[in-house]
Amino acid sequence: EGTPGLSTPTSPGISTPIILTQPNSNNTPTTAVQRTNTPAPPTATSASGPPLNPGTYDNVDSRLIYKGWSPTNSGTTLHVSVTPGSTISFRFIGTQLRILYQGGSTLGQITITIDAQSYALSQSTGTEWESTTFANGTHTVLITHTGGGSVNLDQVIIPDNSTPTPTATP
């Protein structure tokens, strides 16, 4: 016998639905819930190791987690994405983030999301992007190739903004 209000599947499996029922006399199913053992996609927090401290990091740093990007070595190292939806995730400790890339008129667009705040960037102009200033702490970053031509990443820079700016003395 099963538990009242729960019909037990006769052939358990990863995608076998579990039918929840109301505890009534005729045990009629009222709600079906599909349960699977499919893990949630990784987030920037779960996918990356220790956060980056202030400093300059080449695109090959192991704490930068790539999905759909490929390394290239054409005189300088880059990671390149040709497929929209490809991502890079990592965390950093600090107040600001700078991204360096090789710009070009045929390049595409990326979205840089830091702690749920998103910024659109076209790599068709420029070679550097700088974030606004955040409160000092650990921040989660997700860079997504959103469209157009290929996109690339050369370096990630976490500025050391912890040193106070000197003030002039009278």
C-alpha atoms as a PDB file:
ATOM      1  CA  GLU A   1       0.000   0.000   0.000  1.00  0.00           C
ATOM      2  CA  GLY A   2       1.174   3.536  -0.741  1.00  0.00           C
ATOM      3  CA  THR A   3       0.842   6.615   1.382  1.00  0.00           C
ATOM      4  CA  PRO A   4      -2.691   8.086   1.248  1.00  0.00           C
ATOM      5  CA  GLY A   5      -2.734  11.028  -1.150  1.00  0.00           C
ATOM      6  CA  LEU A   6       0.273   9.825  -3.164  1.00  0.00           C
ATOM      7  CA  SER A   7       0.171   7.401  -6.065  1.00  0.00           C
ATOM      8  CA  THR A   8       3.430   5.530  -6.427  1.00  0.00           C
ATOM      9  CA  PRO A   9       4.787   5.057  -9.957  1.00  0.00           C
ATOM     10  CA  THR A  10       4.935   1.410 -11.027  1.00  0.00           C
ATOM     11  CA  SER A  11       8.152   1.953 -12.990  1.00  0.00           C
ATOM     12  CA  PRO A  12      10.381   4.461 -11.189  1.00  0.00           C
ATOM     13  CA  GLY A  13      12.781   6.464 -13.321  1.00  0.00           C
ATOM     14  CA  ILE A  14      14.298   9.891 -13.674  1.00  0.00           C
ATOM     15  CA  SER A  15      11.445  11.300 -15.726  1.00  0.00           C
ATOM     16  CA  THR A  16       8.566   9.292 -14.214  1.00  0.00           C
ATOM     17  CA  PRO A  17       5.967  11.769 -12.927  1.00  0.00           C
ATOM     18  CA  ILE A  18       4.801  11.670  -9.345  1.00  0.00           C
ATOM     19  CA  ILE A  19       1.098  12.432  -9.078  1.00  0.00           C
ATOM     20  CA  LEU A  20       0.046  14.288  -5.935  1.00  0.00           C
ATOM     21  CA  THR A  21      -3.555  13.873  -4.878  1.00  0.00           C
ATOM     22  CA  GLN A  22      -5.809  15.468  -2.292  1.00  0.00           C
ATOM     23  CA  PRO A  23      -6.490  13.255   0.734  1.00  0.00           C
ATOM     24  CA  ASN A  24     -10.125  12.416  -0.109  1.00  0.00           C
ATOM     25  CA  SER A  25     -12.080   9.216  -0.313  1.00  0.00           C
ATOM     26  CA  ASN A  26     -11.887   8.652  -4.076  1.00  0.00           C
ATOM     27  CA  ASN A  27      -8.148   9.558  -4.348  1.00  0.00           C
ATOM     28  CA  THR A  28      -8.711  11.537  -7.579  1.00  0.00           C
ATOM     29  CA  PRO A  29      -5.512  13.241  -8.774  1.00  0.00           C
ATOM     30  CA  THR A  30      -5.824  17.014  -8.479  1.00  0.00           C
ATOM     31  CA  THR A  31      -2.271  18.167  -9.228  1.00  0.00           C
ATOM     32  CA  ALA A  32       0.466  16.608 -11.337  1.00  0.00           C
ATOM     33  CA  VAL A  33       4.061  17.550 -10.571  1.00  0.00           C
ATOM     34  CA  GLN A  34       6.894  16.493 -12.876  1.00  0.00           C
ATOM     35  CA  ARG A  35      10.076  15.727 -10.927  1.00  0.00           C
ATOM     36  CA  THR A  36      13.409  14.963 -12.547  1.00  0.00           C
ATOM     37  CA  ASN A  37      16.978  14.588 -11.439  1.00  0.00           C
ATOM     38  CA  THR A  38      18.152  17.174 -13.963  1.00  0.00           C
ATOM     39  CA  PRO A  39      20.447  19.611 -12.157  1.00  0.00           C
ATOM     40  CA  ALA A  40      19.898  23.328 -12.510  1.00  0.00           C
ATOM     41  CA  PRO A  41      22.280  25.067 -14.910  1.00  0.00           C
ATOM     42  CA  PRO A  42      25.359  26.428 -13.161  1.00  0.00           C
ATOM     43  CA  THR A  43      25.299  30.029 -12.017  1.00  0.00           C
ATOM     44  CA  ALA A  44      28.318  32.267 -11.909  1.00  0.00           C
ATOM     45  CA  THR A  45      28.554  31.668  -8.181  1.00  0.00           C
ATOM     46  CA  SER A  46      28.397  27.883  -8.374  1.00  0.00           C
ATOM     47  CA  ALA A  47      30.490  27.567 -11.537  1.00  0.00           C
ATOM     48  CA  SER A  48      33.530  29.520 -10.468  1.00  0.00           C
ATOM     49  CA  GLY A  49      36.156  28.880  -7.862  1.00  0.00           C
ATOM     50  CA  PRO A  50      37.605  31.502  -5.565  1.00  0.00           C
ATOM     51  CA  PRO A  51      36.809  35.103  -6.530  1.00  0.00           C
ATOM     52  CA  LEU A  52      39.363  37.282  -8.287  1.00  0.00           C
ATOM     53  CA  ASN A  53      41.112  39.818  -6.048  1.00  0.00           C
ATOM     54  CA  PRO A  54      42.298  43.193  -7.363  1.00  0.00           C
ATOM     55  CA  GLY A  55      44.735  42.567 -10.218  1.00  0.00           C
ATOM     56  CA  THR A  56      44.986  41.814 -13.942  1.00  0.00           C
ATOM     57  CA  TYR A  57      43.889  38.394 -15.205  1.00  0.00           C
ATOM     58  CA  ASP A  58      44.534  36.952 -18.656  1.00  0.00           C
ATOM     59  CA  ASN A  59      41.626  35.188 -20.368  1.00  0.00           C
ATOM     60  CA  VAL A  60      43.173  31.781 -19.575  1.00  0.00           C
ATOM     61  CA  ASP A  61      42.783  32.151 -15.782  1.00  0.00           C
ATOM     62  CA  SER A  62      41.134  28.993 -14.427  1.00  0.00           C
ATOM     63  CA  ARG A  63      38.592  31.011 -12.392  1.00  0.00           C
ATOM     64  CA  LEU A  64      36.979  32.272 -15.606  1.00  0.00           C
ATOM     65  CA  ILE A  65      34.398  29.616 -16.479  1.00  0.00           C
ATOM     66  CA  TYR A  66      33.628  29.442 -20.217  1.00  0.00           C
ATOM     67  CA  LYS A  67      30.596  27.834 -21.847  1.00  0.00           C
ATOM     68  CA  GLY A  68      30.812  27.898 -25.662  1.00  0.00           C
ATOM     69  CA  TRP A  69      33.974  30.042 -25.960  1.00  0.00           C
ATOM     70  CA  SER A  70      37.233  28.783 -27.500  1.00  0.00           C
ATOM     71  CA  PRO A  71      40.815  29.850 -26.818  1.00  0.00           C
ATOM     72  CA  THR A  72      42.877  31.155 -29.706  1.00  0.00           C
ATOM     73  CA  ASN A  73      46.503  32.116 -30.008  1.00  0.00           C
ATOM     74  CA  SER A  74      47.145  34.601 -32.782  1.00  0.00           C
ATOM     75  CA  GLY A  75      50.039  36.581 -31.371  1.00  0.00           C
ATOM     76  CA  THR A  76      48.012  37.351 -28.260  1.00  0.00           C
ATOM     77  CA  THR A  77      45.753  35.040 -26.327  1.00  0.00           C
ATOM     78  CA  LEU A  78      41.999  35.529 -26.578  1.00  0.00           C
ATOM     79  CA  HIS A  79      38.875  33.533 -25.914  1.00  0.00           C
ATOM     80  CA  VAL A  80      36.349  33.848 -28.758  1.00  0.00           C
ATOM     81  CA  SER A  81      32.640  33.070 -29.069  1.00  0.00           C
ATOM     82  CA  VAL A  82      30.925  32.655 -32.429  1.00  0.00           C
ATOM     83  CA  THR A  83      27.634  31.454 -30.922  1.00  0.00           C
ATOM     84  CA  PRO A  84      25.125  33.773 -29.224  1.00  0.00           C
ATOM     85  CA  GLY A  85      24.225  32.403 -25.803  1.00  0.00           C
ATOM     86  CA  SER A  86      27.821  31.467 -24.925  1.00  0.00           C
ATOM     87  CA  THR A  87      28.804  32.652 -21.443  1.00  0.00           C
ATOM     88  CA  ILE A  88      31.718  33.451 -19.158  1.00  0.00           C
ATOM     89  CA  SER A  89      31.149  33.459 -15.411  1.00  0.00           C
ATOM     90  CA  PHE A  90      33.304  34.435 -12.443  1.00  0.00           C
ATOM     91  CA  ARG A  91      33.303  36.333  -9.175  1.00  0.00           C
ATOM     92  CA  PHE A  92      35.496  39.185  -8.001  1.00  0.00           C
ATOM     93  CA  ILE A  93      36.209  41.081  -4.811  1.00  0.00           C
ATOM     94  CA  GLY A  94      36.388  44.827  -5.215  1.00  0.00           C
ATOM     95  CA  THR A  95      34.472  47.893  -6.320  1.00  0.00           C
ATOM     96  CA  GLN A  96      34.887  47.901 -10.104  1.00  0.00           C
ATOM     97  CA  LEU A  97      35.492  45.688 -13.162  1.00  0.00           C
ATOM     98  CA  ARG A  98      37.280  46.368 -16.441  1.00  0.00           C
ATOM     99  CA  ILE A  99      37.040  44.098 -19.491  1.00  0.00           C
ATOM    100  CA  LEU A 100      39.630  44.270 -22.302  1.00  0.00           C
ATOM    101  CA  TYR A 101      38.882  42.884 -25.770  1.00  0.00           C
ATOM    102  CA  GLN A 102      39.923  43.349 -29.391  1.00  0.00           C
ATOM    103  CA  GLY A 103      37.397  45.591 -31.131  1.00  0.00           C
ATOM    104  CA  GLY A 104      36.491  45.519 -34.808  1.00  0.00           C
ATOM    105  CA  SER A 105      33.696  46.669 -37.123  1.00  0.00           C
ATOM    106  CA  THR A 106      32.414  43.112 -37.747  1.00  0.00           C
ATOM    107  CA  LEU A 107      32.281  42.063 -34.094  1.00  0.00           C
ATOM    108  CA  GLY A 108      29.104  41.396 -32.134  1.00  0.00           C
ATOM    109  CA  GLN A 109      27.511  42.302 -28.842  1.00  0.00           C
ATOM    110  CA  ILE A 110      27.771  41.020 -25.282  1.00  0.00           C
ATOM    111  CA  THR A 111      25.824  41.668 -22.116  1.00  0.00           C
ATOM    112  CA  ILE A 112      27.793  41.972 -18.895  1.00  0.00           C
ATOM    113  CA  THR A 113      25.694  41.223 -15.810  1.00  0.00           C
ATOM    114  CA  ILE A 114      27.114  42.090 -12.399  1.00  0.00           C
ATOM    115  CA  ASP A 115      24.928  41.224  -9.405  1.00  0.00           C
ATOM    116  CA  ALA A 116      21.777  41.285 -11.605  1.00  0.00           C
ATOM    117  CA  GLN A 117      22.664  44.707 -13.114  1.00  0.00           C
ATOM    118  CA  SER A 118      23.114  44.338 -16.904  1.00  0.00           C
ATOM    119  CA  TYR A 119      25.210  46.402 -19.313  1.00  0.00           C
ATOM    120  CA  ALA A 120      25.117  46.055 -23.131  1.00  0.00           C
ATOM    121  CA  LEU A 121      28.403  46.326 -25.026  1.00  0.00           C
ATOM    122  CA  SER A 122      29.098  46.294 -28.754  1.00  0.00           C
ATOM    123  CA  GLN A 123      32.621  45.134 -29.527  1.00  0.00           C
ATOM    124  CA  SER A 124      32.469  46.888 -32.913  1.00  0.00           C
ATOM    125  CA  THR A 125      34.039  49.964 -31.311  1.00  0.00           C
ATOM    126  CA  GLY A 126      36.590  50.382 -28.549  1.00  0.00           C
ATOM    127  CA  THR A 127      38.783  47.836 -26.801  1.00  0.00           C
ATOM    128  CA  GLU A 128      37.851  48.324 -23.145  1.00  0.00           C
ATOM    129  CA  TRP A 129      34.745  48.450 -20.971  1.00  0.00           C
ATOM    130  CA  GLU A 130      34.629  49.775 -17.398  1.00  0.00           C
ATOM    131  CA  SER A 131      31.812  49.217 -14.922  1.00  0.00           C
ATOM    132  CA  THR A 132      30.289  51.700 -12.576  1.00  0.00           C
ATOM    133  CA  THR A 133      31.547  51.634  -8.985  1.00  0.00           C
ATOM    134  CA  PHE A 134      29.986  49.099  -6.613  1.00  0.00           C
ATOM    135  CA  ALA A 135      30.141  48.715  -2.854  1.00  0.00           C
ATOM    136  CA  ASN A 136      33.319  46.890  -1.866  1.00  0.00           C
ATOM    137  CA  GLY A 137      32.588  43.164  -1.640  1.00  0.00           C
ATOM    138  CA  THR A 138      32.212  39.967  -3.651  1.00  0.00           C
ATOM    139  CA  HIS A 139      30.342  40.354  -6.940  1.00  0.00           C
ATOM    140  CA  THR A 140      29.022  37.788  -9.418  1.00  0.00           C
ATOM    141  CA  VAL A 141      29.641  38.324 -13.153  1.00  0.00           C
ATOM    142  CA  LEU A 142      28.040  36.694 -16.190  1.00  0.00           C
ATOM    143  CA  ILE A 143      29.166  37.758 -19.681  1.00  0.00           C
ATOM    144  CA  THR A 144      26.834  36.574 -22.456  1.00  0.00           C
ATOM    145  CA  HIS A 145      27.368  36.736 -26.232  1.00  0.00           C
ATOM    146  CA  THR A 146      24.048  38.257 -27.317  1.00  0.00           C
ATOM    147  CA  GLY A 147      24.336  38.619 -31.091  1.00  0.00           C
ATOM    148  CA  GLY A 148      26.053  39.924 -34.191  1.00  0.00           C
ATOM    149  CA  GLY A 149      29.464  38.626 -35.205  1.00  0.00           C
ATOM    150  CA  SER A 150      32.002  36.877 -33.026  1.00  0.00           C
ATOM    151  CA  VAL A 151      33.071  38.396 -29.688  1.00  0.00           C
ATOM    152  CA  ASN A 152      36.225  38.007 -27.623  1.00  0.00           C
ATOM    153  CA  LEU A 153      37.804  38.453 -24.206  1.00  0.00           C
ATOM    154  CA  ASP A 154      41.453  39.381 -23.662  1.00  0.00           C
ATOM    155  CA  GLN A 155      41.767  40.401 -19.985  1.00  0.00           C
ATOM    156  CA  VAL A 156      39.782  41.027 -16.826  1.00  0.00           C
ATOM    157  CA  ILE A 157      41.049  43.779 -14.538  1.00  0.00           C
ATOM    158  CA  ILE A 158      39.893  44.317 -10.962  1.00  0.00           C
ATOM    159  CA  PRO A 159      41.216  47.784 -10.006  1.00  0.00           C
ATOM    160  CA  ASP A 160      42.568  48.221  -6.496  1.00  0.00           C
ATOM    161  CA  ASN A 161      40.360  51.081  -5.368  1.00  0.00           C
ATOM    162  CA  SER A 162      40.951  50.399  -1.674  1.00  0.00           C
ATOM    163  CA  THR A 163      43.767  52.951  -1.420  1.00  0.00           C
ATOM    164  CA  PRO A 164      42.226  56.282  -0.406  1.00  0.00           C
ATOM    165  CA  THR A 165      42.839  59.208  -2.707  1.00  0.00           C
ATOM    166  CA  PRO A 166      45.286  61.610  -1.077  1.00  0.00           C
ATOM    167  CA  THR A 167      43.908  65.002  -0.247  1.00  0.00           C
ATOM    168  CA  ALA A 168      45.893  68.209  -0.586  1.00  0.00           C
ATOM    169  CA  THR A 169      46.974  69.778   2.672  1.00  0.00           C
ATOM    170  CA  PRO A 170      46.671  73.557   2.993  1.00  0.00           C
END
